[in-house]
Amino acid sequence: MTYINRNIVKAKDEIIGVQVKNHNEENLGSISEVMLDKVSGRVAYLVLESGGFLGLGGKLIALPWHAIHYDEDKECFILNIEKEKIKNAPAFDSNEWPDMADKTWGESVSKYYGTKSYWE
């Protein structure tokens, strides 16, 4: 387990690698990490790897837990967003992760997806 900061940790689970699609069933990418708040025990974000080829050149996007849901029939996560909006989503590089415990950053991510923050 790699610590990002004192409150948020990378967690390995069965959802790593699961595809994320939108309501039009367009593929948006796949989950590369699960970010947990180790103090509250809540899932803070799922990290979507979008674009690229064979894991190279894609961008990483934090998805608020409240912005997605798992569709058991389709065996994927559903994010109710147009594909163009995910292309323009705030993203980060695999070598420079944002401080995901920073509430200002978290509020901006939640606002982009029109959902509440994980600590609410």
N, C-alpha and C. Protein backbone atom coordinates (compact mmCIF):
# COMPACT_ATOMS: atom_id res chain seq x y z
N MET A 1 0.84 -1.17 0.00
CA MET A 1 0.00 0.00 0.00
C MET A 1 0.90 1.24 0.00
N THR A 2 0.68 2.15 -0.92
CA THR A 2 1.47 3.37 -1.02
C THR A 2 0.69 4.53 -0.42
N TYR A 3 1.31 5.25 0.48
CA TYR A 3 0.64 6.39 1.11
C TYR A 3 0.84 7.63 0.26
N ILE A 4 -0.25 8.32 -0.06
CA ILE A 4 -0.21 9.56 -0.82
C ILE A 4 -0.03 10.72 0.16
N ASN A 5 -0.72 10.70 1.27
CA ASN A 5 -0.54 11.64 2.37
C ASN A 5 -1.12 10.96 3.61
N ARG A 6 -1.24 11.66 4.72
CA ARG A 6 -1.62 10.99 5.96
C ARG A 6 -3.06 10.50 6.00
N ASN A 7 -3.95 10.99 5.13
CA ASN A 7 -5.35 10.60 5.17
C ASN A 7 -5.83 9.78 3.98
N ILE A 8 -5.17 9.87 2.86
CA ILE A 8 -5.62 9.20 1.64
C ILE A 8 -4.60 8.13 1.27
N VAL A 9 -5.07 6.91 1.00
CA VAL A 9 -4.17 5.82 0.63
C VAL A 9 -4.65 5.16 -0.65
N LYS A 10 -3.73 4.56 -1.39
CA LYS A 10 -4.09 3.76 -2.55
C LYS A 10 -4.56 2.40 -2.06
N ALA A 11 -5.67 1.95 -2.54
CA ALA A 11 -6.18 0.65 -2.12
C ALA A 11 -6.32 -0.25 -3.35
N LYS A 12 -5.87 -1.48 -3.24
CA LYS A 12 -6.02 -2.46 -4.32
C LYS A 12 -7.26 -3.28 -4.04
N ASP A 13 -8.11 -3.43 -5.02
CA ASP A 13 -9.37 -4.14 -4.82
C ASP A 13 -9.82 -4.71 -6.16
N GLU A 14 -10.93 -5.34 -6.13
CA GLU A 14 -11.47 -5.94 -7.34
C GLU A 14 -11.92 -4.94 -8.38
N ILE A 15 -12.04 -3.68 -8.05
CA ILE A 15 -12.55 -2.72 -9.02
C ILE A 15 -11.45 -2.15 -9.92
N ILE A 16 -10.20 -2.41 -9.58
CA ILE A 16 -9.10 -1.97 -10.45
C ILE A 16 -9.25 -2.68 -11.80
N GLY A 17 -9.22 -1.90 -12.87
CA GLY A 17 -9.34 -2.46 -14.21
C GLY A 17 -10.76 -2.51 -14.75
N VAL A 18 -11.75 -2.23 -13.91
CA VAL A 18 -13.14 -2.25 -14.36
C VAL A 18 -13.39 -1.05 -15.27
N GLN A 19 -14.09 -1.28 -16.37
CA GLN A 19 -14.39 -0.21 -17.31
C GLN A 19 -15.40 0.77 -16.74
N VAL A 20 -15.29 2.01 -17.22
CA VAL A 20 -16.26 3.06 -16.90
C VAL A 20 -16.88 3.48 -18.22
N LYS A 21 -18.21 3.48 -18.25
CA LYS A 21 -18.94 3.90 -19.44
C LYS A 21 -19.91 5.01 -19.05
N ASN A 22 -20.37 5.73 -20.05
CA ASN A 22 -21.39 6.73 -19.77
C ASN A 22 -22.77 6.18 -20.09
N HIS A 23 -23.78 7.01 -19.94
CA HIS A 23 -25.17 6.58 -20.16
C HIS A 23 -25.43 6.18 -21.61
N ASN A 24 -24.57 6.58 -22.53
CA ASN A 24 -24.68 6.18 -23.94
C ASN A 24 -23.86 4.93 -24.24
N GLU A 25 -23.32 4.30 -23.18
CA GLU A 25 -22.49 3.10 -23.26
C GLU A 25 -21.19 3.33 -24.02
N GLU A 26 -20.71 4.58 -24.02
CA GLU A 26 -19.41 4.89 -24.60
C GLU A 26 -18.34 4.62 -23.54
N ASN A 27 -17.26 3.97 -23.94
CA ASN A 27 -16.18 3.67 -23.01
C ASN A 27 -15.41 4.94 -22.67
N LEU A 28 -15.27 5.22 -21.36
CA LEU A 28 -14.55 6.41 -20.91
C LEU A 28 -13.16 6.07 -20.39
N GLY A 29 -12.90 4.80 -20.13
CA GLY A 29 -11.62 4.37 -19.59
C GLY A 29 -11.84 3.27 -18.58
N SER A 30 -10.85 3.07 -17.71
CA SER A 30 -10.97 2.04 -16.68
C SER A 30 -10.39 2.56 -15.37
N ILE A 31 -10.80 1.93 -14.29
CA ILE A 31 -10.36 2.33 -12.96
C ILE A 31 -8.92 1.85 -12.74
N SER A 32 -8.05 2.77 -12.34
CA SER A 32 -6.66 2.39 -12.08
C SER A 32 -6.33 2.41 -10.59
N GLU A 33 -7.10 3.13 -9.78
CA GLU A 33 -6.85 3.19 -8.34
C GLU A 33 -8.15 3.46 -7.60
N VAL A 34 -8.17 3.04 -6.34
CA VAL A 34 -9.25 3.39 -5.42
C VAL A 34 -8.60 4.19 -4.31
N MET A 35 -9.10 5.38 -4.07
CA MET A 35 -8.54 6.24 -3.04
C MET A 35 -9.48 6.25 -1.84
N LEU A 36 -8.93 5.85 -0.69
CA LEU A 36 -9.70 5.76 0.55
C LEU A 36 -9.25 6.82 1.54
N ASP A 37 -10.21 7.36 2.28
CA ASP A 37 -9.87 8.21 3.42
C ASP A 37 -9.68 7.27 4.59
N LYS A 38 -8.46 7.09 5.02
CA LYS A 38 -8.19 6.08 6.04
C LYS A 38 -8.72 6.46 7.41
N VAL A 39 -9.01 7.73 7.66
CA VAL A 39 -9.58 8.13 8.94
C VAL A 39 -11.07 7.82 9.00
N SER A 40 -11.81 8.23 7.96
CA SER A 40 -13.26 8.00 7.96
C SER A 40 -13.64 6.63 7.42
N GLY A 41 -12.73 6.02 6.64
CA GLY A 41 -13.04 4.74 6.03
C GLY A 41 -13.87 4.86 4.77
N ARG A 42 -14.08 6.07 4.30
CA ARG A 42 -14.90 6.29 3.10
C ARG A 42 -14.06 6.22 1.83
N VAL A 43 -14.70 5.78 0.75
CA VAL A 43 -14.07 5.88 -0.56
C VAL A 43 -14.10 7.35 -0.94
N ALA A 44 -12.96 7.91 -1.22
CA ALA A 44 -12.86 9.31 -1.59
C ALA A 44 -13.05 9.48 -3.10
N TYR A 45 -12.26 8.76 -3.87
CA TYR A 45 -12.28 8.88 -5.32
C TYR A 45 -11.94 7.54 -5.95
N LEU A 46 -12.39 7.38 -7.17
CA LEU A 46 -11.86 6.36 -8.06
C LEU A 46 -11.02 7.11 -9.07
N VAL A 47 -9.90 6.55 -9.45
CA VAL A 47 -9.06 7.20 -10.44
C VAL A 47 -9.29 6.51 -11.78
N LEU A 48 -9.75 7.29 -12.73
CA LEU A 48 -10.04 6.82 -14.08
C LEU A 48 -8.82 7.04 -14.95
N GLU A 49 -8.38 6.00 -15.63
CA GLU A 49 -7.35 6.16 -16.65
C GLU A 49 -8.07 6.23 -17.98
N SER A 50 -7.94 7.37 -18.64
CA SER A 50 -8.68 7.63 -19.86
C SER A 50 -7.72 7.92 -21.00
N GLY A 51 -8.03 7.38 -22.15
CA GLY A 51 -7.17 7.60 -23.31
C GLY A 51 -5.95 6.72 -23.28
N GLY A 52 -5.02 6.99 -24.14
CA GLY A 52 -3.79 6.20 -24.18
C GLY A 52 -4.01 4.86 -24.85
N PHE A 53 -2.95 4.07 -24.90
CA PHE A 53 -3.00 2.76 -25.52
C PHE A 53 -2.15 1.82 -24.69
N LEU A 54 -2.73 0.71 -24.27
CA LEU A 54 -2.04 -0.30 -23.45
C LEU A 54 -1.41 0.31 -22.20
N GLY A 55 -2.14 1.25 -21.58
CA GLY A 55 -1.66 1.86 -20.35
C GLY A 55 -0.64 2.97 -20.53
N LEU A 56 -0.37 3.36 -21.78
CA LEU A 56 0.61 4.41 -22.04
C LEU A 56 -0.07 5.64 -22.62
N GLY A 57 0.32 6.79 -22.11
CA GLY A 57 -0.16 8.05 -22.68
C GLY A 57 -1.53 8.49 -22.23
N GLY A 58 -2.16 7.74 -21.36
CA GLY A 58 -3.48 8.15 -20.88
C GLY A 58 -3.37 9.17 -19.78
N LYS A 59 -4.50 9.84 -19.52
CA LYS A 59 -4.50 10.78 -18.42
C LYS A 59 -5.28 10.19 -17.25
N LEU A 60 -4.98 10.66 -16.06
CA LEU A 60 -5.64 10.20 -14.86
C LEU A 60 -6.63 11.26 -14.39
N ILE A 61 -7.81 10.80 -14.01
CA ILE A 61 -8.89 11.69 -13.63
C ILE A 61 -9.51 11.16 -12.34
N ALA A 62 -9.61 12.02 -11.33
CA ALA A 62 -10.28 11.63 -10.08
C ALA A 62 -11.78 11.74 -10.27
N LEU A 63 -12.47 10.65 -10.00
CA LEU A 63 -13.94 10.64 -10.06
C LEU A 63 -14.49 10.56 -8.65
N PRO A 64 -15.33 11.50 -8.25
CA PRO A 64 -15.95 11.40 -6.94
C PRO A 64 -16.78 10.13 -6.85
N TRP A 65 -16.71 9.46 -5.72
CA TRP A 65 -17.47 8.23 -5.50
C TRP A 65 -18.95 8.45 -5.77
N HIS A 66 -19.48 9.61 -5.39
CA HIS A 66 -20.90 9.90 -5.54
C HIS A 66 -21.31 10.15 -7.00
N ALA A 67 -20.34 10.29 -7.90
CA ALA A 67 -20.65 10.60 -9.30
C ALA A 67 -20.89 9.36 -10.15
N ILE A 68 -20.56 8.18 -9.62
CA ILE A 68 -20.67 6.96 -10.42
C ILE A 68 -21.48 5.90 -9.68
N HIS A 69 -21.90 4.92 -10.44
CA HIS A 69 -22.53 3.75 -9.82
C HIS A 69 -22.16 2.51 -10.63
N TYR A 70 -22.20 1.37 -9.97
CA TYR A 70 -21.84 0.12 -10.62
C TYR A 70 -23.09 -0.51 -11.20
N ASP A 71 -23.03 -0.91 -12.46
CA ASP A 71 -24.12 -1.60 -13.14
C ASP A 71 -23.78 -3.09 -13.16
N GLU A 72 -24.48 -3.86 -12.34
CA GLU A 72 -24.18 -5.29 -12.23
C GLU A 72 -24.42 -6.04 -13.53
N ASP A 73 -25.45 -5.66 -14.27
CA ASP A 73 -25.75 -6.35 -15.53
C ASP A 73 -24.66 -6.12 -16.57
N LYS A 74 -24.15 -4.91 -16.65
CA LYS A 74 -23.12 -4.58 -17.64
C LYS A 74 -21.71 -4.78 -17.11
N GLU A 75 -21.60 -5.05 -15.80
CA GLU A 75 -20.32 -5.27 -15.14
C GLU A 75 -19.34 -4.13 -15.40
N CYS A 76 -19.83 -2.91 -15.23
CA CYS A 76 -19.00 -1.73 -15.38
C CYS A 76 -19.56 -0.60 -14.51
N PHE A 77 -18.74 0.42 -14.33
CA PHE A 77 -19.22 1.61 -13.66
C PHE A 77 -19.86 2.52 -14.69
N ILE A 78 -20.90 3.24 -14.26
CA ILE A 78 -21.57 4.20 -15.13
C ILE A 78 -21.35 5.59 -14.56
N LEU A 79 -20.88 6.48 -15.41
CA LEU A 79 -20.70 7.89 -15.07
C LEU A 79 -21.63 8.67 -16.00
N ASN A 80 -22.57 9.36 -15.42
CA ASN A 80 -23.57 10.09 -16.20
C ASN A 80 -22.98 11.40 -16.71
N ILE A 81 -22.20 11.29 -17.78
CA ILE A 81 -21.49 12.45 -18.33
C ILE A 81 -21.28 12.23 -19.83
N GLU A 82 -21.28 13.30 -20.56
CA GLU A 82 -20.98 13.20 -21.99
C GLU A 82 -19.48 12.95 -22.17
N LYS A 83 -19.15 12.21 -23.21
CA LYS A 83 -17.75 11.85 -23.46
C LYS A 83 -16.88 13.10 -23.62
N GLU A 84 -17.41 14.14 -24.23
CA GLU A 84 -16.65 15.37 -24.43
C GLU A 84 -16.27 16.00 -23.10
N LYS A 85 -17.18 15.92 -22.10
CA LYS A 85 -16.88 16.52 -20.80
C LYS A 85 -15.76 15.77 -20.10
N ILE A 86 -15.70 14.46 -20.25
CA ILE A 86 -14.61 13.72 -19.61
C ILE A 86 -13.27 14.03 -20.29
N LYS A 87 -13.31 14.32 -21.59
CA LYS A 87 -12.09 14.70 -22.30
C LYS A 87 -11.52 16.00 -21.75
N ASN A 88 -12.40 16.87 -21.26
CA ASN A 88 -11.98 18.18 -20.73
C ASN A 88 -11.88 18.21 -19.22
N ALA A 89 -12.04 17.06 -18.57
CA ALA A 89 -12.01 17.00 -17.11
C ALA A 89 -10.62 17.34 -16.57
N PRO A 90 -10.59 17.92 -15.37
CA PRO A 90 -9.29 18.15 -14.74
C PRO A 90 -8.55 16.82 -14.58
N ALA A 91 -7.32 16.79 -15.00
CA ALA A 91 -6.56 15.54 -15.00
C ALA A 91 -5.19 15.78 -14.37
N PHE A 92 -4.49 14.69 -14.11
CA PHE A 92 -3.16 14.79 -13.55
C PHE A 92 -2.29 13.69 -14.11
N ASP A 93 -1.00 13.87 -13.94
CA ASP A 93 0.00 12.94 -14.45
C ASP A 93 0.30 11.87 -13.40
N SER A 94 0.63 10.70 -13.83
CA SER A 94 0.91 9.61 -12.90
C SER A 94 2.10 9.90 -11.99
N ASN A 95 2.96 10.83 -12.39
CA ASN A 95 4.12 11.20 -11.58
C ASN A 95 3.86 12.39 -10.65
N GLU A 96 2.72 13.08 -10.84
CA GLU A 96 2.40 14.26 -10.03
C GLU A 96 0.95 14.23 -9.60
N TRP A 97 0.68 13.48 -8.54
CA TRP A 97 -0.67 13.38 -8.02
C TRP A 97 -1.02 14.63 -7.22
N PRO A 98 -2.26 15.07 -7.30
CA PRO A 98 -2.69 16.20 -6.48
C PRO A 98 -2.82 15.76 -5.02
N ASP A 99 -2.90 16.72 -4.13
CA ASP A 99 -3.16 16.42 -2.72
C ASP A 99 -4.66 16.17 -2.59
N MET A 100 -5.04 14.92 -2.62
CA MET A 100 -6.46 14.56 -2.63
C MET A 100 -7.16 14.80 -1.29
N ALA A 101 -6.41 15.10 -0.26
CA ALA A 101 -7.00 15.46 1.02
C ALA A 101 -7.28 16.95 1.11
N ASP A 102 -6.82 17.72 0.14
CA ASP A 102 -7.05 19.16 0.11
C ASP A 102 -8.52 19.41 -0.24
N LYS A 103 -9.26 19.97 0.71
CA LYS A 103 -10.70 20.15 0.51
C LYS A 103 -11.02 21.13 -0.62
N THR A 104 -10.16 22.11 -0.86
CA THR A 104 -10.40 23.03 -1.97
C THR A 104 -10.32 22.27 -3.29
N TRP A 105 -9.30 21.43 -3.42
CA TRP A 105 -9.18 20.61 -4.63
C TRP A 105 -10.38 19.67 -4.75
N GLY A 106 -10.73 19.00 -3.65
CA GLY A 106 -11.85 18.07 -3.65
C GLY A 106 -13.17 18.73 -4.01
N GLU A 107 -13.40 19.93 -3.51
CA GLU A 107 -14.63 20.65 -3.84
C GLU A 107 -14.67 21.00 -5.32
N SER A 108 -13.53 21.36 -5.91
CA SER A 108 -13.51 21.69 -7.34
C SER A 108 -13.80 20.46 -8.19
N VAL A 109 -13.30 19.30 -7.78
CA VAL A 109 -13.57 18.06 -8.51
C VAL A 109 -15.06 17.71 -8.40
N SER A 110 -15.59 17.78 -7.20
CA SER A 110 -17.01 17.47 -6.98
C SER A 110 -17.90 18.42 -7.77
N LYS A 111 -17.55 19.70 -7.78
CA LYS A 111 -18.33 20.70 -8.52
C LYS A 111 -18.33 20.38 -10.02
N TYR A 112 -17.17 19.95 -10.55
CA TYR A 112 -17.08 19.64 -11.99
C TYR A 112 -18.08 18.54 -12.37
N TYR A 113 -18.26 17.57 -11.48
CA TYR A 113 -19.17 16.46 -11.76
C TYR A 113 -20.57 16.67 -11.19
N GLY A 114 -20.79 17.80 -10.53
CA GLY A 114 -22.12 18.12 -10.02
C GLY A 114 -22.57 17.20 -8.89
N THR A 115 -21.65 16.84 -8.01
CA THR A 115 -21.96 15.94 -6.92
C THR A 115 -21.41 16.48 -5.61
N LYS A 116 -21.79 15.88 -4.52
CA LYS A 116 -21.27 16.32 -3.23
C LYS A 116 -19.89 15.69 -2.98
N SER A 117 -19.15 16.32 -2.10
CA SER A 117 -17.83 15.82 -1.73
C SER A 117 -17.95 14.59 -0.86
N TYR A 118 -16.95 13.75 -0.85
CA TYR A 118 -17.03 12.49 -0.11
C TYR A 118 -17.16 12.69 1.39
N TRP A 119 -16.71 13.82 1.92
CA TRP A 119 -16.78 14.05 3.37
C TRP A 119 -18.14 14.61 3.80
N GLU A 120 -19.02 14.91 2.86
CA GLU A 120 -20.34 15.43 3.21
C GLU A 120 -21.31 14.31 3.53
